[in-house]
């Protein structure tokens, strides 16, 4: 009687594991399709927004704000930020990140790559 129950339990466990594998495969296939669909949909929405007049106004407004902030003289509230921006380490990292960005890379990816190699 115990042997019969043990055999049935093993059969149920194998069946359950098989069902889990099948569900995982189905989900992975579904997710791959869903992910590409979402990326495509968001890319199209972003391109449409960038082509709109609203985007032009928003980008111009943000650019003007950043330019105004950049040329504004330092204030006591912004002294800490100014000190960080003028530090040699920040300047080097900003330059390095801009070079990597021009090559289509991110600084975080480069750091992760070299930390894995060592």
Foldseek 3Di string as FASTA:
>chain_A
DVVVVVVVVVVVVVVVVVVVVVVVVVVVVVVVVVVVVVVVVVVVVVVVCCPDPVVVVVVVVVVVVVVCVVPDDDDPVCPVVVVCCPDPVNVVVVVVQVVQVVVVHGPVVVVVVVVVVD
